[in-house]
Amino acid sequence: MLTNYVLPVFIGIILVVALIKRVDAYSSFIKGTKEGLSLFHEVFPAMMAMMLSINLLRVSGLLEAIASLFSGLLANVDASLWAMMLFRPFSGTASLAIMIDIFKTLGVDSFSGIMASIIQGSTDTTLYVITLYFGSVGVKKIRNSMFIGLISDLAGIAMAIFLTITFFS
């Protein structure tokens, strides 16, 4: 297959360009690895704190309790969708796991499966992005960015609910 050769050809092109430009490719690779490790050292505590917080919410049952409170708002929206909507700004992996669970229990082509897909595609992991990227570069004033990001997530969720109800119910 052609795809088996993409990476070796890409590495070969990099090495040929390095030879033509007379760049020490190995030293550049080592330098990039050191920079990557230092970036990991800066980013890892924020990632660990976020993952720990999310797991504590999930294990404690607080997330399910909050989702069940919201489940009475709209008759068409399943409680697991509310859990996904609550997790989405925090963690893409957690919301994806909830979406996969919705697919397994209710079906991919179900009303909830379609709504989960639209929510997943129309929102972002705002708090994760702010924690990880702003924290890694030392940005302290995040209030406006967080507010705008959460408002856009809310708009994306509202439109996902509206579009799913309008076109798929």
C-alpha atoms as a PDB file:
ATOM      1  CA  MET A   1       0.000   0.000   0.000  1.00  0.00           C
ATOM      2  CA  LEU A   2       1.044   3.538  -0.673  1.00  0.00           C
ATOM      3  CA  THR A   3       0.357   4.629   2.920  1.00  0.00           C
ATOM      4  CA  ASN A   4       3.149   2.364   4.170  1.00  0.00           C
ATOM      5  CA  TYR A   5       5.670   4.550   2.356  1.00  0.00           C
ATOM      6  CA  VAL A   6       4.443   8.003   3.361  1.00  0.00           C
ATOM      7  CA  LEU A   7       6.402   8.318   6.612  1.00  0.00           C
ATOM      8  CA  PRO A   8       9.713   6.902   5.286  1.00  0.00           C
ATOM      9  CA  VAL A   9       9.481   9.152   2.207  1.00  0.00           C
ATOM     10  CA  PHE A  10       8.709  12.160   4.422  1.00  0.00           C
ATOM     11  CA  ILE A  11      11.735  11.416   6.645  1.00  0.00           C
ATOM     12  CA  GLY A  12      13.869  10.932   3.540  1.00  0.00           C
ATOM     13  CA  ILE A  13      12.788  14.324   2.183  1.00  0.00           C
ATOM     14  CA  ILE A  14      13.673  15.955   5.517  1.00  0.00           C
ATOM     15  CA  LEU A  15      17.124  14.345   5.456  1.00  0.00           C
ATOM     16  CA  VAL A  16      17.743  15.378   1.832  1.00  0.00           C
ATOM     17  CA  VAL A  17      16.722  18.982   2.578  1.00  0.00           C
ATOM     18  CA  ALA A  18      18.991  18.948   5.658  1.00  0.00           C
ATOM     19  CA  LEU A  19      21.892  17.741   3.513  1.00  0.00           C
ATOM     20  CA  ILE A  20      21.248  20.384   0.845  1.00  0.00           C
ATOM     21  CA  LYS A  21      21.008  23.189   3.426  1.00  0.00           C
ATOM     22  CA  ARG A  22      23.956  21.726   5.391  1.00  0.00           C
ATOM     23  CA  VAL A  23      22.006  21.432   8.624  1.00  0.00           C
ATOM     24  CA  ASP A  24      22.999  18.901  11.263  1.00  0.00           C
ATOM     25  CA  ALA A  25      19.718  16.950  11.313  1.00  0.00           C
ATOM     26  CA  TYR A  26      20.658  14.859  14.348  1.00  0.00           C
ATOM     27  CA  SER A  27      21.506  17.902  16.487  1.00  0.00           C
ATOM     28  CA  SER A  28      18.293  19.599  15.388  1.00  0.00           C
ATOM     29  CA  PHE A  29      16.364  16.461  16.314  1.00  0.00           C
ATOM     30  CA  ILE A  30      17.989  16.336  19.765  1.00  0.00           C
ATOM     31  CA  LYS A  31      17.303  20.053  20.294  1.00  0.00           C
ATOM     32  CA  GLY A  32      13.649  19.577  19.344  1.00  0.00           C
ATOM     33  CA  THR A  33      13.374  16.618  21.702  1.00  0.00           C
ATOM     34  CA  LYS A  34      14.777  18.699  24.577  1.00  0.00           C
ATOM     35  CA  GLU A  35      12.308  21.505  23.835  1.00  0.00           C
ATOM     36  CA  GLY A  36       9.470  18.975  23.701  1.00  0.00           C
ATOM     37  CA  LEU A  37      10.448  17.535  27.074  1.00  0.00           C
ATOM     38  CA  SER A  38      10.624  20.989  28.653  1.00  0.00           C
ATOM     39  CA  LEU A  39       7.183  21.803  27.208  1.00  0.00           C
ATOM     40  CA  PHE A  40       5.869  18.519  28.628  1.00  0.00           C
ATOM     41  CA  HIS A  41       7.343  19.471  32.010  1.00  0.00           C
ATOM     42  CA  GLU A  42       5.449  22.784  31.903  1.00  0.00           C
ATOM     43  CA  VAL A  43       2.153  21.370  30.601  1.00  0.00           C
ATOM     44  CA  PHE A  44       1.919  18.094  32.543  1.00  0.00           C
ATOM     45  CA  PRO A  45       0.843  19.551  35.933  1.00  0.00           C
ATOM     46  CA  ALA A  46      -2.079  21.399  34.350  1.00  0.00           C
ATOM     47  CA  MET A  47      -3.122  18.283  32.435  1.00  0.00           C
ATOM     48  CA  MET A  48      -2.868  16.117  35.536  1.00  0.00           C
ATOM     49  CA  ALA A  49      -4.948  18.542  37.611  1.00  0.00           C
ATOM     50  CA  MET A  50      -7.632  18.672  34.915  1.00  0.00           C
ATOM     51  CA  MET A  51      -7.780  14.885  34.540  1.00  0.00           C
ATOM     52  CA  LEU A  52      -7.926  14.400  38.314  1.00  0.00           C
ATOM     53  CA  SER A  53     -10.773  16.912  38.641  1.00  0.00           C
ATOM     54  CA  ILE A  54     -12.763  15.275  35.866  1.00  0.00           C
ATOM     55  CA  ASN A  55     -12.293  11.805  37.307  1.00  0.00           C
ATOM     56  CA  LEU A  56     -13.341  13.028  40.749  1.00  0.00           C
ATOM     57  CA  LEU A  57     -16.529  14.490  39.262  1.00  0.00           C
ATOM     58  CA  ARG A  58     -17.291  11.264  37.451  1.00  0.00           C
ATOM     59  CA  VAL A  59     -16.473   8.866  40.300  1.00  0.00           C
ATOM     60  CA  SER A  60     -18.264  10.903  42.962  1.00  0.00           C
ATOM     61  CA  GLY A  61     -21.527  10.742  41.020  1.00  0.00           C
ATOM     62  CA  LEU A  62     -21.864  14.523  41.097  1.00  0.00           C
ATOM     63  CA  LEU A  63     -21.900  14.721  37.319  1.00  0.00           C
ATOM     64  CA  GLU A  64     -24.784  12.254  37.048  1.00  0.00           C
ATOM     65  CA  ALA A  65     -26.690  14.134  39.770  1.00  0.00           C
ATOM     66  CA  ILE A  66     -26.287  17.434  37.937  1.00  0.00           C
ATOM     67  CA  ALA A  67     -27.233  15.810  34.629  1.00  0.00           C
ATOM     68  CA  SER A  68     -30.393  14.373  36.173  1.00  0.00           C
ATOM     69  CA  LEU A  69     -31.356  17.869  37.362  1.00  0.00           C
ATOM     70  CA  PHE A  70     -31.148  19.163  33.796  1.00  0.00           C
ATOM     71  CA  SER A  71     -32.919  16.170  32.279  1.00  0.00           C
ATOM     72  CA  GLY A  72     -36.327  17.660  33.090  1.00  0.00           C
ATOM     73  CA  LEU A  73     -35.713  20.795  31.027  1.00  0.00           C
ATOM     74  CA  LEU A  74     -36.224  19.266  27.596  1.00  0.00           C
ATOM     75  CA  ALA A  75     -38.183  16.066  27.115  1.00  0.00           C
ATOM     76  CA  ASN A  76     -36.232  15.040  23.995  1.00  0.00           C
ATOM     77  CA  VAL A  77     -32.773  15.330  25.582  1.00  0.00           C
ATOM     78  CA  ASP A  78     -31.531  12.198  27.336  1.00  0.00           C
ATOM     79  CA  ALA A  79     -29.747  12.536  30.710  1.00  0.00           C
ATOM     80  CA  SER A  80     -26.512  11.164  29.228  1.00  0.00           C
ATOM     81  CA  LEU A  81     -26.534  14.039  26.728  1.00  0.00           C
ATOM     82  CA  TRP A  82     -26.636  16.514  29.600  1.00  0.00           C
ATOM     83  CA  ALA A  83     -23.617  14.763  31.101  1.00  0.00           C
ATOM     84  CA  MET A  84     -21.835  15.092  27.771  1.00  0.00           C
ATOM     85  CA  MET A  85     -22.743  18.786  27.542  1.00  0.00           C
ATOM     86  CA  LEU A  86     -21.364  19.381  31.031  1.00  0.00           C
ATOM     87  CA  PHE A  87     -18.120  17.510  30.331  1.00  0.00           C
ATOM     88  CA  ARG A  88     -17.476  18.966  26.887  1.00  0.00           C
ATOM     89  CA  PRO A  89     -15.857  22.260  28.030  1.00  0.00           C
ATOM     90  CA  PHE A  90     -13.551  20.315  30.364  1.00  0.00           C
ATOM     91  CA  SER A  91     -12.417  17.298  28.400  1.00  0.00           C
ATOM     92  CA  GLY A  92     -12.826  16.149  24.841  1.00  0.00           C
ATOM     93  CA  THR A  93     -11.885  12.601  25.819  1.00  0.00           C
ATOM     94  CA  ALA A  94     -14.509  12.442  28.569  1.00  0.00           C
ATOM     95  CA  SER A  95     -17.238  13.828  26.316  1.00  0.00           C
ATOM     96  CA  LEU A  96     -16.153  11.444  23.560  1.00  0.00           C
ATOM     97  CA  ALA A  97     -16.381   8.534  25.993  1.00  0.00           C
ATOM     98  CA  ILE A  98     -19.915   9.595  26.925  1.00  0.00           C
ATOM     99  CA  MET A  99     -20.800   9.914  23.247  1.00  0.00           C
ATOM    100  CA  ILE A 100     -19.503   6.403  22.544  1.00  0.00           C
ATOM    101  CA  ASP A 101     -21.558   5.143  25.479  1.00  0.00           C
ATOM    102  CA  ILE A 102     -24.616   6.843  23.955  1.00  0.00           C
ATOM    103  CA  PHE A 103     -23.834   5.120  20.644  1.00  0.00           C
ATOM    104  CA  LYS A 104     -23.577   1.724  22.354  1.00  0.00           C
ATOM    105  CA  THR A 105     -26.714   2.038  24.464  1.00  0.00           C
ATOM    106  CA  LEU A 106     -29.048   4.088  22.269  1.00  0.00           C
ATOM    107  CA  GLY A 107     -27.570   3.611  18.809  1.00  0.00           C
ATOM    108  CA  VAL A 108     -25.588   5.720  16.386  1.00  0.00           C
ATOM    109  CA  ASP A 109     -28.629   6.678  14.336  1.00  0.00           C
ATOM    110  CA  SER A 110     -30.813   7.370  17.359  1.00  0.00           C
ATOM    111  CA  PHE A 111     -32.018  10.858  18.155  1.00  0.00           C
ATOM    112  CA  SER A 112     -29.566  11.059  21.087  1.00  0.00           C
ATOM    113  CA  GLY A 113     -26.722   9.676  18.960  1.00  0.00           C
ATOM    114  CA  ILE A 114     -27.267  12.310  16.293  1.00  0.00           C
ATOM    115  CA  MET A 115     -27.519  15.074  18.884  1.00  0.00           C
ATOM    116  CA  ALA A 116     -24.356  13.857  20.611  1.00  0.00           C
ATOM    117  CA  SER A 117     -22.488  13.934  17.296  1.00  0.00           C
ATOM    118  CA  ILE A 118     -23.622  17.474  16.542  1.00  0.00           C
ATOM    119  CA  ILE A 119     -22.690  18.640  20.056  1.00  0.00           C
ATOM    120  CA  GLN A 120     -19.267  17.008  19.773  1.00  0.00           C
ATOM    121  CA  GLY A 121     -18.628  18.767  16.478  1.00  0.00           C
ATOM    122  CA  SER A 122     -19.988  22.188  17.355  1.00  0.00           C
ATOM    123  CA  THR A 123     -18.315  22.792  20.718  1.00  0.00           C
ATOM    124  CA  ASP A 124     -14.783  22.889  22.038  1.00  0.00           C
ATOM    125  CA  THR A 125     -12.927  21.930  25.184  1.00  0.00           C
ATOM    126  CA  THR A 126     -12.730  25.539  26.320  1.00  0.00           C
ATOM    127  CA  LEU A 127     -11.563  25.085  29.909  1.00  0.00           C
ATOM    128  CA  TYR A 128      -9.061  22.436  28.867  1.00  0.00           C
ATOM    129  CA  VAL A 129      -7.606  24.705  26.182  1.00  0.00           C
ATOM    130  CA  ILE A 130      -7.398  27.664  28.559  1.00  0.00           C
ATOM    131  CA  THR A 131      -5.842  25.585  31.339  1.00  0.00           C
ATOM    132  CA  LEU A 132      -3.333  23.857  29.117  1.00  0.00           C
ATOM    133  CA  TYR A 133      -2.281  26.471  26.611  1.00  0.00           C
ATOM    134  CA  PHE A 134      -2.681  29.646  28.626  1.00  0.00           C
ATOM    135  CA  GLY A 135      -1.031  27.989  31.621  1.00  0.00           C
ATOM    136  CA  SER A 136       1.918  26.765  29.575  1.00  0.00           C
ATOM    137  CA  VAL A 137       2.739  30.256  28.276  1.00  0.00           C
ATOM    138  CA  GLY A 138       1.996  32.028  31.573  1.00  0.00           C
ATOM    139  CA  VAL A 139      -1.148  33.967  30.665  1.00  0.00           C
ATOM    140  CA  LYS A 140      -2.809  35.051  33.925  1.00  0.00           C
ATOM    141  CA  LYS A 141      -5.767  37.150  32.739  1.00  0.00           C
ATOM    142  CA  ILE A 142      -8.121  34.559  31.259  1.00  0.00           C
ATOM    143  CA  ARG A 143     -11.483  35.998  32.307  1.00  0.00           C
ATOM    144  CA  ASN A 144     -12.563  37.386  28.919  1.00  0.00           C
ATOM    145  CA  SER A 145     -11.255  34.415  26.954  1.00  0.00           C
ATOM    146  CA  MET A 146     -13.000  31.973  29.246  1.00  0.00           C
ATOM    147  CA  PHE A 147     -16.267  33.921  29.138  1.00  0.00           C
ATOM    148  CA  ILE A 148     -16.261  34.124  25.332  1.00  0.00           C
ATOM    149  CA  GLY A 149     -15.286  30.466  24.999  1.00  0.00           C
ATOM    150  CA  LEU A 150     -18.044  29.287  27.338  1.00  0.00           C
ATOM    151  CA  ILE A 151     -20.608  31.500  25.598  1.00  0.00           C
ATOM    152  CA  SER A 152     -19.618  29.977  22.253  1.00  0.00           C
ATOM    153  CA  ASP A 153     -19.913  26.481  23.757  1.00  0.00           C
ATOM    154  CA  LEU A 154     -23.363  27.336  25.057  1.00  0.00           C
ATOM    155  CA  ALA A 155     -24.356  28.677  21.629  1.00  0.00           C
ATOM    156  CA  GLY A 156     -23.013  25.525  19.970  1.00  0.00           C
ATOM    157  CA  ILE A 157     -24.956  23.297  22.362  1.00  0.00           C
ATOM    158  CA  ALA A 158     -28.137  25.333  21.924  1.00  0.00           C
ATOM    159  CA  MET A 159     -27.850  25.178  18.133  1.00  0.00           C
ATOM    160  CA  ALA A 160     -27.107  21.448  18.268  1.00  0.00           C
ATOM    161  CA  ILE A 161     -30.269  20.863  20.285  1.00  0.00           C
ATOM    162  CA  PHE A 162     -32.306  23.143  18.017  1.00  0.00           C
ATOM    163  CA  LEU A 163     -31.019  21.604  14.774  1.00  0.00           C
ATOM    164  CA  THR A 164     -31.447  18.046  15.991  1.00  0.00           C
ATOM    165  CA  ILE A 165     -35.012  18.702  17.162  1.00  0.00           C
ATOM    166  CA  THR A 166     -35.811  20.588  13.955  1.00  0.00           C
ATOM    167  CA  PHE A 167     -34.359  18.156  11.434  1.00  0.00           C
ATOM    168  CA  PHE A 168     -34.333  14.762  13.150  1.00  0.00           C
ATOM    169  CA  SER A 169     -37.422  14.506  15.341  1.00  0.00           C
END
